[in-house]
Amino acid sequence: MKNNDHRRVRRGFTLVELLVGMVLFGIVGALFTKLLTTQGRYFDRQGMGNAARNVSRASLNRVVSDFRMIEATGGVVAATGTSLTLNIPYAIGVMCATSGGVTHLSMLPVDSTTYANAGVYGYAWRNFTTGVYSYVQNAATEGNALDASVCTGQGVTTVPGGRVVIVSPILPGGAGLGTPVFLYSRINYQFAASTAIPGSIGLFRTTVNPDGTQRTEELVAPFAATAGWKFFVLNGGSVAQANAPGDLTTITGLELHLDGMSERTAATKTTPETAPFTTAVFFKNRTK
């Protein structure tokens, strides 16, 4: 008897089908690889852009908090497009009395770390007649332990949280009870070759002491070569000029160019990313 059961033979892929499948798989794989590569490069560039912007933001708060305190007529000691030497007030008060070769001041409250880190360079007092501050270069001695009764005896009450300090040499005869006085530090800001990131530009802040010693810290790096500042001057309109005026007392404010730069170059790029950032600070107590 003839066996009528026929087994089905499973048909395989032909060579043409295999070749077509491999070609399609290769095309899809290449497109997917290109997509991943493009996305990776995009995110890398975005990351470098964020890094550049972070450099600008990191320096902004410290610089602006100092520059906003500058008194116009004597706050700028020396200036170029990349270096500023400034007298920066950090505590303000009024004159109480003069005795024993020193002048007693009643100061408004200031955070104790401000006193500790200020680097006292001198004091300035305001002439009631001219309205101009006169700067005296000498260290001030301050401390909460000084006798507040010297001030209260003259009818000047120290504000809670404030302190009584003494300064020398004494305020001149043109100053009297209640004369506004502030203590100041001498600070240099400079864009210079970075020590943290060699081959780039960093922003340095140097505290200068009356005896000539200095304390320098690099605030942040790297910056683009365009970083620096321009100068608003008296009667100069709303456009800042690139060079400092010959008479520094005519400076009314600064245009800050805190142009940050990424530390490394993103893929497919030939230069690091930069983040142009411009803001302005105008000085307090512009008398004219």
Protein backbone atom coordinates (compact mmCIF):
# COMPACT_ATOMS: atom_id res chain seq x y z
CA MET A 1 0.00 0.00 0.00
CA LYS A 2 1.36 3.30 -1.03
CA ASN A 3 1.90 5.78 1.80
CA ASN A 4 -0.06 8.92 0.83
CA ASP A 5 1.26 11.06 3.77
CA HIS A 6 3.43 13.78 2.39
CA ARG A 7 5.63 15.69 4.68
CA ARG A 8 5.81 19.40 4.05
CA VAL A 9 9.27 20.61 3.45
CA ARG A 10 9.82 24.08 5.07
CA ARG A 11 11.11 26.51 2.48
CA GLY A 12 14.11 28.73 3.51
CA PHE A 13 15.20 32.24 2.45
CA THR A 14 16.70 32.71 -0.91
CA LEU A 15 20.02 34.42 -1.35
CA VAL A 16 18.29 37.45 -2.87
CA GLU A 17 15.99 37.79 0.16
CA LEU A 18 18.97 37.60 2.51
CA LEU A 19 20.83 40.26 0.57
CA VAL A 20 17.82 42.59 0.53
CA GLY A 21 17.29 42.12 4.29
CA MET A 22 20.94 42.83 5.03
CA VAL A 23 20.87 45.98 2.90
CA LEU A 24 17.73 47.27 4.65
CA PHE A 25 19.18 46.45 8.08
CA GLY A 26 22.40 48.27 7.16
CA ILE A 27 20.51 51.36 6.02
CA VAL A 28 18.43 51.48 9.21
CA GLY A 29 21.52 50.91 11.34
CA ALA A 30 23.45 53.66 9.57
CA LEU A 31 20.59 56.12 9.99
CA PHE A 32 20.25 55.24 13.68
CA THR A 33 23.99 55.62 14.22
CA LYS A 34 23.97 59.00 12.51
CA LEU A 35 21.03 60.10 14.67
CA LEU A 36 22.87 59.10 17.86
CA THR A 37 26.04 60.84 16.69
CA THR A 38 24.17 64.03 15.79
CA GLN A 39 22.33 64.05 19.12
CA GLY A 40 25.56 63.45 21.02
CA ARG A 41 27.29 66.33 19.27
CA TYR A 42 24.29 68.59 19.89
CA PHE A 43 24.21 67.82 23.60
CA ASP A 44 27.99 68.22 23.82
CA ARG A 45 27.76 71.67 22.25
CA GLN A 46 24.85 72.57 24.53
CA GLY A 47 26.89 71.47 27.52
CA MET A 48 29.85 73.60 26.48
CA GLY A 49 27.50 76.56 25.97
CA ASN A 50 26.12 76.09 29.48
CA ALA A 51 29.65 75.88 30.85
CA ALA A 52 30.52 79.20 29.21
CA ARG A 53 27.39 80.85 30.62
CA ASN A 54 28.18 79.45 34.07
CA VAL A 55 31.53 81.26 33.98
CA SER A 56 29.74 84.56 33.37
CA ARG A 57 27.15 83.95 36.08
CA ALA A 58 29.73 82.76 38.63
CA SER A 59 31.62 86.05 38.47
CA LEU A 60 28.58 88.32 38.28
CA ASN A 61 27.38 88.31 41.91
CA ARG A 62 30.82 88.89 43.43
CA VAL A 63 31.82 91.63 41.02
CA VAL A 64 28.51 93.52 41.08
CA SER A 65 28.20 93.38 44.88
CA ASP A 66 31.58 95.13 45.14
CA PHE A 67 31.15 97.58 42.27
CA ARG A 68 27.75 98.79 43.49
CA MET A 69 29.37 100.06 46.69
CA ILE A 70 31.94 102.27 44.96
CA GLU A 71 31.77 105.95 45.83
CA ALA A 72 32.19 107.98 42.66
CA THR A 73 34.61 110.76 43.58
CA GLY A 74 37.38 108.61 45.04
CA GLY A 75 36.42 104.99 44.55
CA VAL A 76 38.51 104.31 41.46
CA VAL A 77 42.25 104.43 42.14
CA ALA A 78 43.58 103.06 38.84
CA ALA A 79 41.84 101.74 35.73
CA THR A 80 42.48 100.04 32.39
CA GLY A 81 40.23 97.93 30.19
CA THR A 82 41.23 94.76 32.07
CA SER A 83 42.38 95.97 35.51
CA LEU A 84 40.67 98.06 38.19
CA THR A 85 42.00 99.15 41.57
CA LEU A 86 39.14 100.28 43.78
CA ASN A 87 38.35 101.61 47.24
CA ILE A 88 35.31 99.52 48.20
CA PRO A 89 33.28 100.48 51.32
CA TYR A 90 32.22 97.63 53.56
CA ALA A 91 30.86 99.39 56.67
CA ILE A 92 29.31 102.81 57.21
CA GLY A 93 28.55 104.85 60.32
CA VAL A 94 28.86 108.27 61.93
CA MET A 95 31.48 110.02 64.02
CA CYS A 96 30.87 110.02 67.79
CA ALA A 97 33.87 111.68 69.39
CA THR A 98 37.62 112.17 69.26
CA SER A 99 39.77 111.34 72.26
CA GLY A 100 43.16 109.87 73.01
CA GLY A 101 44.41 110.45 69.46
CA VAL A 102 41.67 108.32 67.85
CA THR A 103 38.18 108.92 66.51
CA HIS A 104 35.25 106.78 67.66
CA LEU A 105 32.64 105.74 65.10
CA SER A 106 29.24 104.16 65.57
CA MET A 107 28.78 101.69 62.70
CA LEU A 108 25.66 100.15 61.19
CA PRO A 109 25.35 96.34 61.42
CA VAL A 110 27.60 94.36 59.08
CA ASP A 111 28.08 90.61 58.94
CA SER A 112 31.07 89.61 61.09
CA THR A 113 32.68 87.77 58.17
CA THR A 114 32.74 91.03 56.25
CA TYR A 115 34.91 92.60 58.94
CA ALA A 116 37.07 89.48 59.13
CA ASN A 117 37.75 89.34 55.38
CA ALA A 118 37.69 93.03 54.50
CA GLY A 119 41.35 93.87 54.80
CA VAL A 120 40.95 97.36 56.30
CA TYR A 121 42.79 99.88 54.15
CA GLY A 122 41.43 103.13 55.51
CA TYR A 123 38.38 105.30 56.01
CA ALA A 124 36.62 108.14 54.21
CA TRP A 125 34.58 111.00 55.70
CA ARG A 126 32.04 113.24 54.04
CA ASN A 127 32.53 117.00 54.07
CA PHE A 128 29.19 118.64 54.90
CA THR A 129 30.08 121.77 52.92
CA THR A 130 31.26 120.22 49.64
CA GLY A 131 29.47 116.88 49.85
CA VAL A 132 32.71 115.17 48.78
CA TYR A 133 34.33 112.25 50.59
CA SER A 134 37.95 112.58 51.70
CA TYR A 135 39.95 109.34 51.85
CA VAL A 136 42.41 108.62 54.65
CA GLN A 137 44.82 105.76 54.07
CA ASN A 138 45.31 104.06 57.39
CA ALA A 139 44.14 100.92 59.07
CA ALA A 140 41.10 101.11 61.33
CA THR A 141 40.93 99.22 64.58
CA GLU A 142 37.56 97.67 65.22
CA GLY A 143 36.01 95.43 67.85
CA ASN A 144 32.80 94.89 69.77
CA ALA A 145 34.66 95.27 73.06
CA LEU A 146 35.19 99.01 72.58
CA ASP A 147 33.24 101.17 75.02
CA ALA A 148 29.95 102.22 73.42
CA SER A 149 29.43 104.81 76.16
CA VAL A 150 31.80 107.12 74.30
CA CYS A 151 29.13 107.39 71.61
CA THR A 152 26.04 107.32 73.82
CA GLY A 153 27.60 110.10 75.89
CA GLN A 154 27.43 112.27 72.76
CA GLY A 155 23.82 111.35 72.08
CA VAL A 156 24.70 108.76 69.39
CA THR A 157 23.07 105.39 70.00
CA THR A 158 24.66 102.35 68.38
CA VAL A 159 22.13 100.40 66.34
CA PRO A 160 21.50 96.87 67.66
CA GLY A 161 23.93 94.58 65.91
CA GLY A 162 26.25 97.47 65.11
CA ARG A 163 29.61 98.12 66.70
CA VAL A 164 31.84 100.95 67.89
CA VAL A 165 35.19 101.21 66.11
CA ILE A 166 38.12 103.56 66.34
CA VAL A 167 40.14 105.01 63.48
CA SER A 168 43.40 106.88 63.26
CA PRO A 169 44.63 109.37 62.37
CA ILE A 170 41.74 111.33 63.79
CA LEU A 171 39.20 113.01 61.55
CA PRO A 172 40.28 116.57 60.72
CA GLY A 173 38.71 119.70 62.14
CA GLY A 174 36.23 119.97 59.28
CA ALA A 175 34.47 116.87 60.57
CA GLY A 176 32.09 117.04 63.49
CA LEU A 177 29.61 114.99 65.45
CA GLY A 178 27.46 112.91 63.13
CA THR A 179 29.81 113.13 60.13
CA PRO A 180 29.18 110.14 57.80
CA VAL A 181 32.21 107.86 57.64
CA PHE A 182 32.84 104.53 55.95
CA LEU A 183 35.60 101.96 56.22
CA TYR A 184 36.96 100.70 52.93
CA SER A 185 39.11 97.95 51.46
CA ARG A 186 41.43 98.40 48.50
CA ILE A 187 40.64 95.75 45.91
CA ASN A 188 42.15 95.03 42.52
CA TYR A 189 40.13 93.19 39.88
CA GLN A 190 42.08 91.94 36.90
CA PHE A 191 41.64 89.69 33.88
CA ALA A 192 44.96 87.86 33.50
CA ALA A 193 46.47 84.49 32.60
CA SER A 194 44.66 81.82 34.59
CA THR A 195 46.51 79.61 37.04
CA ALA A 196 43.56 77.24 37.45
CA ILE A 197 43.21 76.61 33.70
CA PRO A 198 46.57 77.26 32.02
CA GLY A 199 46.38 78.84 28.61
CA SER A 200 43.16 80.71 29.35
CA ILE A 201 42.08 83.99 30.97
CA GLY A 202 40.87 84.15 34.58
CA LEU A 203 39.38 86.87 36.77
CA PHE A 204 41.46 87.64 39.86
CA ARG A 205 40.47 89.57 43.00
CA THR A 206 43.33 90.92 45.11
CA THR A 207 42.95 92.52 48.53
CA VAL A 208 45.71 95.09 49.10
CA ASN A 209 46.76 95.82 52.68
CA PRO A 210 48.20 99.14 53.91
CA ASP A 211 51.59 97.50 54.52
CA GLY A 212 51.79 96.42 50.88
CA THR A 213 50.98 92.75 51.41
CA GLN A 214 48.33 91.22 49.18
CA ARG A 215 45.86 88.35 49.17
CA THR A 216 44.90 87.11 45.72
CA GLU A 217 42.21 84.66 44.67
CA GLU A 218 41.20 83.54 41.20
CA LEU A 219 37.42 83.85 41.14
CA VAL A 220 36.60 81.95 37.96
CA ALA A 221 37.95 80.94 34.55
CA PRO A 222 38.07 80.72 31.57
CA PHE A 223 36.98 83.98 29.95
CA ALA A 224 37.03 85.01 26.31
CA ALA A 225 39.61 87.53 25.12
CA THR A 226 36.81 90.12 24.87
CA ALA A 227 36.22 90.11 28.65
CA GLY A 228 36.86 93.42 30.40
CA TRP A 229 35.06 96.69 31.15
CA LYS A 230 34.30 100.03 29.61
CA PHE A 231 33.70 103.37 31.31
CA PHE A 232 30.73 105.70 31.61
CA VAL A 233 31.98 109.23 32.17
CA LEU A 234 30.45 112.49 33.29
CA ASN A 235 28.61 114.23 30.44
CA GLY A 236 29.60 111.37 28.15
CA GLY A 237 26.11 110.21 27.32
CA SER A 238 24.81 106.67 27.54
CA VAL A 239 27.63 105.02 25.57
CA ALA A 240 30.57 103.60 27.53
CA GLN A 241 34.07 104.35 26.26
CA ALA A 242 36.81 101.75 25.91
CA ASN A 243 39.58 103.72 27.66
CA ALA A 244 39.56 105.10 31.19
CA PRO A 245 39.41 108.92 31.34
CA GLY A 246 42.41 110.86 32.53
CA ASP A 247 40.41 112.15 35.50
CA LEU A 248 39.13 109.02 37.25
CA THR A 249 36.71 111.07 39.37
CA THR A 250 34.63 111.64 36.24
CA ILE A 251 33.79 107.92 35.96
CA THR A 252 30.11 107.44 36.75
CA GLY A 253 29.83 103.72 36.12
CA LEU A 254 31.21 100.63 34.43
CA GLU A 255 30.01 98.50 31.55
CA LEU A 256 31.01 94.93 32.41
CA HIS A 257 31.82 92.43 29.69
CA LEU A 258 31.92 89.09 31.50
CA ASP A 259 32.24 86.97 28.37
CA GLY A 260 32.59 83.39 29.56
CA MET A 261 34.17 80.55 27.62
CA SER A 262 33.94 76.76 27.84
CA GLU A 263 36.95 74.91 29.18
CA ARG A 264 37.13 72.53 26.20
CA THR A 265 36.04 72.50 22.57
CA ALA A 266 32.88 70.65 21.59
CA ALA A 267 33.07 67.86 19.00
CA THR A 268 33.25 69.07 15.36
CA LYS A 269 34.04 72.62 16.58
CA THR A 270 37.42 74.29 16.19
CA THR A 271 37.11 76.77 19.08
CA PRO A 272 35.53 76.68 22.57
CA GLU A 273 32.01 77.98 23.02
CA THR A 274 31.70 81.58 24.22
CA ALA A 275 28.85 83.32 26.04
CA PRO A 276 28.85 87.10 25.51
CA PHE A 277 27.47 88.76 28.65
CA THR A 278 27.19 92.51 29.21
CA THR A 279 25.75 94.44 32.15
CA ALA A 280 26.36 97.83 33.75
CA VAL A 281 26.91 99.19 37.26
CA PHE A 282 26.60 102.87 38.13
CA PHE A 283 28.33 104.28 41.20
CA LYS A 284 26.65 105.60 44.30
CA ASN A 285 26.94 109.19 45.48
CA ARG A 286 27.47 110.80 42.09
CA THR A 287 27.51 114.39 43.29
CA LYS A 288 27.28 116.17 39.93
